[in-house]
Amino acid sequence: MNSKKRIRRMTIVTMLLAMSIVFHMLEPTVPLPVPGVKLGLANILGLIALYMYGPKEMFAINFTRVLIASLLRGIIFGTGFWLSLSGVALSSLIVVLLKKTTPLSPVGLSVASATFHNVGQILAIMVIWSSVMMVYWLPVMIWMSIPTGILTGSLASQVLRRIKKGGTP
């Protein structure tokens, strides 16, 4: 890859990261009826990076987003950081595996991502609190993963479709 293409790629990945940080920071202000549920808008950018560039870029965006957003919020290494990190780690790993082994669309991958993000967070809170009681919250979180995953996957699909239509950046 020549220097110009490398710089272009790095610039786009950096813009995806910046947008994911903004979404991650703004998302808690969106009121939802179920406590602990978020839309997962920042995950749209990781999914776009996966389709445009590959797993390495998706992992870089997702993990860097969690780190920088936690630093900006002042919760680095606090409970919220570990919950976010565990959720993004498990969901990113599952999405990469599913993309390689199944014909799932971005919407299907997004639902899987949302589901395993919640599983990762519940597992982490069970470890942090040394209690298995949070497992009872898992069915609610999994059910909420379906509409939020469909929403974020649909938005990612629309963005990818428009990028493809207008030419790959």
Protein backbone atom coordinates (compact mmCIF):
# COMPACT_ATOMS: atom_id res chain seq x y z
CA MET A 1 0.00 0.00 0.00
CA ASN A 2 1.44 3.34 -0.99
CA SER A 3 1.90 6.24 1.39
CA LYS A 4 -1.14 8.18 0.17
CA LYS A 5 -3.47 5.19 0.66
CA ARG A 6 -2.00 4.48 4.09
CA ILE A 7 -2.55 8.06 5.20
CA ARG A 8 -6.11 8.02 3.84
CA ARG A 9 -6.86 4.77 5.66
CA MET A 10 -5.35 6.07 8.92
CA THR A 11 -7.36 9.30 8.61
CA ILE A 12 -10.65 7.44 8.08
CA VAL A 13 -9.99 5.04 10.95
CA THR A 14 -9.16 8.02 13.19
CA MET A 15 -12.40 9.75 12.19
CA LEU A 16 -14.36 6.55 12.94
CA LEU A 17 -12.65 6.44 16.35
CA ALA A 18 -13.46 10.09 17.07
CA MET A 19 -17.12 9.60 16.14
CA SER A 20 -17.34 6.45 18.28
CA ILE A 21 -15.96 8.36 21.28
CA VAL A 22 -18.54 11.12 20.79
CA PHE A 23 -21.38 8.56 20.56
CA HIS A 24 -20.03 6.71 23.60
CA MET A 25 -19.94 9.94 25.62
CA LEU A 26 -23.40 11.17 24.53
CA GLU A 27 -25.26 7.88 24.76
CA PRO A 28 -25.91 7.94 28.53
CA THR A 29 -28.00 11.08 27.99
CA VAL A 30 -30.51 9.13 25.84
CA PRO A 31 -33.31 8.06 28.19
CA LEU A 32 -34.44 4.46 27.81
CA PRO A 33 -37.17 2.70 29.82
CA VAL A 34 -34.98 -0.17 31.06
CA PRO A 35 -32.15 0.63 33.53
CA GLY A 36 -28.70 -0.27 32.24
CA VAL A 37 -29.76 -0.51 28.59
CA LYS A 38 -28.04 1.66 25.99
CA LEU A 39 -28.55 1.80 22.25
CA GLY A 40 -24.94 0.93 21.41
CA LEU A 41 -24.52 3.70 18.86
CA ALA A 42 -20.73 3.72 19.24
CA ASN A 43 -20.68 0.10 18.06
CA ILE A 44 -21.90 1.26 14.64
CA LEU A 45 -18.47 2.72 13.97
CA GLY A 46 -16.67 -0.48 14.95
CA LEU A 47 -18.92 -2.47 12.63
CA ILE A 48 -18.26 -0.04 9.79
CA ALA A 49 -14.51 -0.39 10.40
CA LEU A 50 -14.83 -4.19 10.34
CA TYR A 51 -16.52 -4.13 6.94
CA MET A 52 -14.32 -1.43 5.45
CA TYR A 53 -10.91 -2.52 6.76
CA GLY A 54 -11.05 -5.65 8.90
CA PRO A 55 -10.89 -6.99 12.45
CA LYS A 56 -7.67 -5.21 13.46
CA GLU A 57 -9.20 -1.79 12.85
CA MET A 58 -12.46 -2.74 14.56
CA PHE A 59 -10.60 -3.93 17.67
CA ALA A 60 -8.45 -0.79 17.65
CA ILE A 61 -11.50 1.49 17.45
CA ASN A 62 -13.53 -0.40 20.06
CA PHE A 63 -10.78 -0.75 22.67
CA THR A 64 -9.37 2.75 22.17
CA ARG A 65 -12.88 4.21 22.43
CA VAL A 66 -13.45 2.54 25.79
CA LEU A 67 -10.07 3.70 27.07
CA ILE A 68 -10.37 7.32 25.92
CA ALA A 69 -14.03 7.71 26.94
CA SER A 70 -13.22 6.31 30.38
CA LEU A 71 -10.32 8.74 30.70
CA LEU A 72 -12.56 11.65 29.66
CA ARG A 73 -15.25 10.64 32.13
CA GLY A 74 -12.74 10.11 34.93
CA ILE A 75 -13.75 6.49 35.49
CA ILE A 76 -10.61 4.80 34.25
CA PHE A 77 -10.21 1.45 36.03
CA GLY A 78 -13.51 1.95 37.84
CA THR A 79 -16.45 -0.44 37.62
CA GLY A 80 -17.90 1.29 34.54
CA PHE A 81 -14.58 0.92 32.71
CA TRP A 82 -14.34 -2.81 33.42
CA LEU A 83 -17.97 -3.38 32.42
CA SER A 84 -17.49 -1.51 29.16
CA LEU A 85 -14.17 -3.22 28.44
CA SER A 86 -15.51 -6.71 29.11
CA GLY A 87 -18.60 -6.09 26.99
CA VAL A 88 -16.63 -4.69 24.05
CA ALA A 89 -14.01 -7.46 24.29
CA LEU A 90 -16.52 -10.32 24.16
CA SER A 91 -18.77 -8.70 21.57
CA SER A 92 -15.86 -7.79 19.26
CA LEU A 93 -14.44 -11.30 19.44
CA ILE A 94 -17.82 -12.90 18.70
CA VAL A 95 -18.52 -10.54 15.78
CA VAL A 96 -15.18 -11.33 14.15
CA LEU A 97 -15.74 -15.08 14.58
CA LEU A 98 -19.30 -14.89 13.23
CA LYS A 99 -18.30 -12.74 10.27
CA LYS A 100 -15.67 -15.32 9.28
CA THR A 101 -17.88 -18.38 9.80
CA THR A 102 -21.45 -17.33 8.96
CA PRO A 103 -23.27 -15.40 6.25
CA LEU A 104 -24.80 -12.98 8.79
CA SER A 105 -25.54 -9.46 7.57
CA PRO A 106 -24.39 -6.37 9.47
CA VAL A 107 -27.79 -6.40 11.22
CA GLY A 108 -27.33 -10.01 12.35
CA LEU A 109 -23.79 -9.29 13.50
CA SER A 110 -24.99 -6.22 15.36
CA VAL A 111 -27.65 -8.22 17.24
CA ALA A 112 -24.99 -10.79 18.16
CA SER A 113 -22.66 -7.97 19.20
CA ALA A 114 -25.31 -6.37 21.42
CA THR A 115 -26.18 -9.74 22.96
CA PHE A 116 -22.60 -10.69 23.77
CA HIS A 117 -21.80 -7.17 24.96
CA ASN A 118 -24.50 -7.66 27.60
CA VAL A 119 -23.25 -11.18 28.42
CA GLY A 120 -19.73 -9.81 28.89
CA GLN A 121 -20.97 -7.05 31.16
CA ILE A 122 -23.08 -9.40 33.28
CA LEU A 123 -20.13 -11.80 33.64
CA ALA A 124 -17.88 -8.90 34.67
CA ILE A 125 -20.32 -7.57 37.26
CA MET A 126 -20.69 -11.09 38.67
CA VAL A 127 -16.90 -11.22 39.12
CA ILE A 128 -16.61 -7.65 40.48
CA TRP A 129 -19.41 -8.11 42.99
CA SER A 130 -18.60 -11.79 43.66
CA SER A 131 -22.26 -12.59 43.19
CA VAL A 132 -24.19 -14.70 40.73
CA MET A 133 -27.39 -12.74 41.36
CA MET A 134 -26.86 -10.49 38.33
CA VAL A 135 -27.41 -13.52 36.10
CA TYR A 136 -31.14 -12.96 36.67
CA TRP A 137 -30.86 -9.63 34.83
CA LEU A 138 -29.35 -11.36 31.77
CA PRO A 139 -32.65 -12.40 30.08
CA VAL A 140 -33.90 -8.80 30.18
CA MET A 141 -30.62 -7.54 28.74
CA ILE A 142 -30.62 -10.19 26.00
CA TRP A 143 -34.19 -9.32 25.00
CA MET A 144 -33.22 -5.66 24.80
CA SER A 145 -30.23 -6.61 22.61
CA ILE A 146 -32.55 -7.53 19.77
CA PRO A 147 -34.13 -4.11 19.05
CA THR A 148 -30.94 -2.19 19.86
CA GLY A 149 -28.88 -4.54 17.67
CA ILE A 150 -31.35 -4.21 14.82
CA LEU A 151 -31.24 -0.42 15.10
CA THR A 152 -27.45 -0.14 15.17
CA GLY A 153 -27.00 -2.82 12.50
CA SER A 154 -29.49 -1.09 10.22
CA LEU A 155 -27.71 2.24 10.65
CA ALA A 156 -24.33 0.61 9.94
CA SER A 157 -25.79 -1.08 6.84
CA GLN A 158 -27.11 2.23 5.55
CA VAL A 159 -23.75 3.92 6.04
CA LEU A 160 -21.89 1.05 4.35
CA ARG A 161 -24.37 1.07 1.45
CA ARG A 162 -23.89 4.82 0.95
CA ILE A 163 -20.11 4.52 1.12
CA LYS A 164 -20.19 1.73 -1.46
CA LYS A 165 -22.53 3.69 -3.70
CA GLY A 166 -20.34 6.78 -3.56
CA GLY A 167 -17.06 4.91 -3.76
CA THR A 168 -14.92 3.46 -1.00
CA PRO A 169 -13.21 6.21 1.01
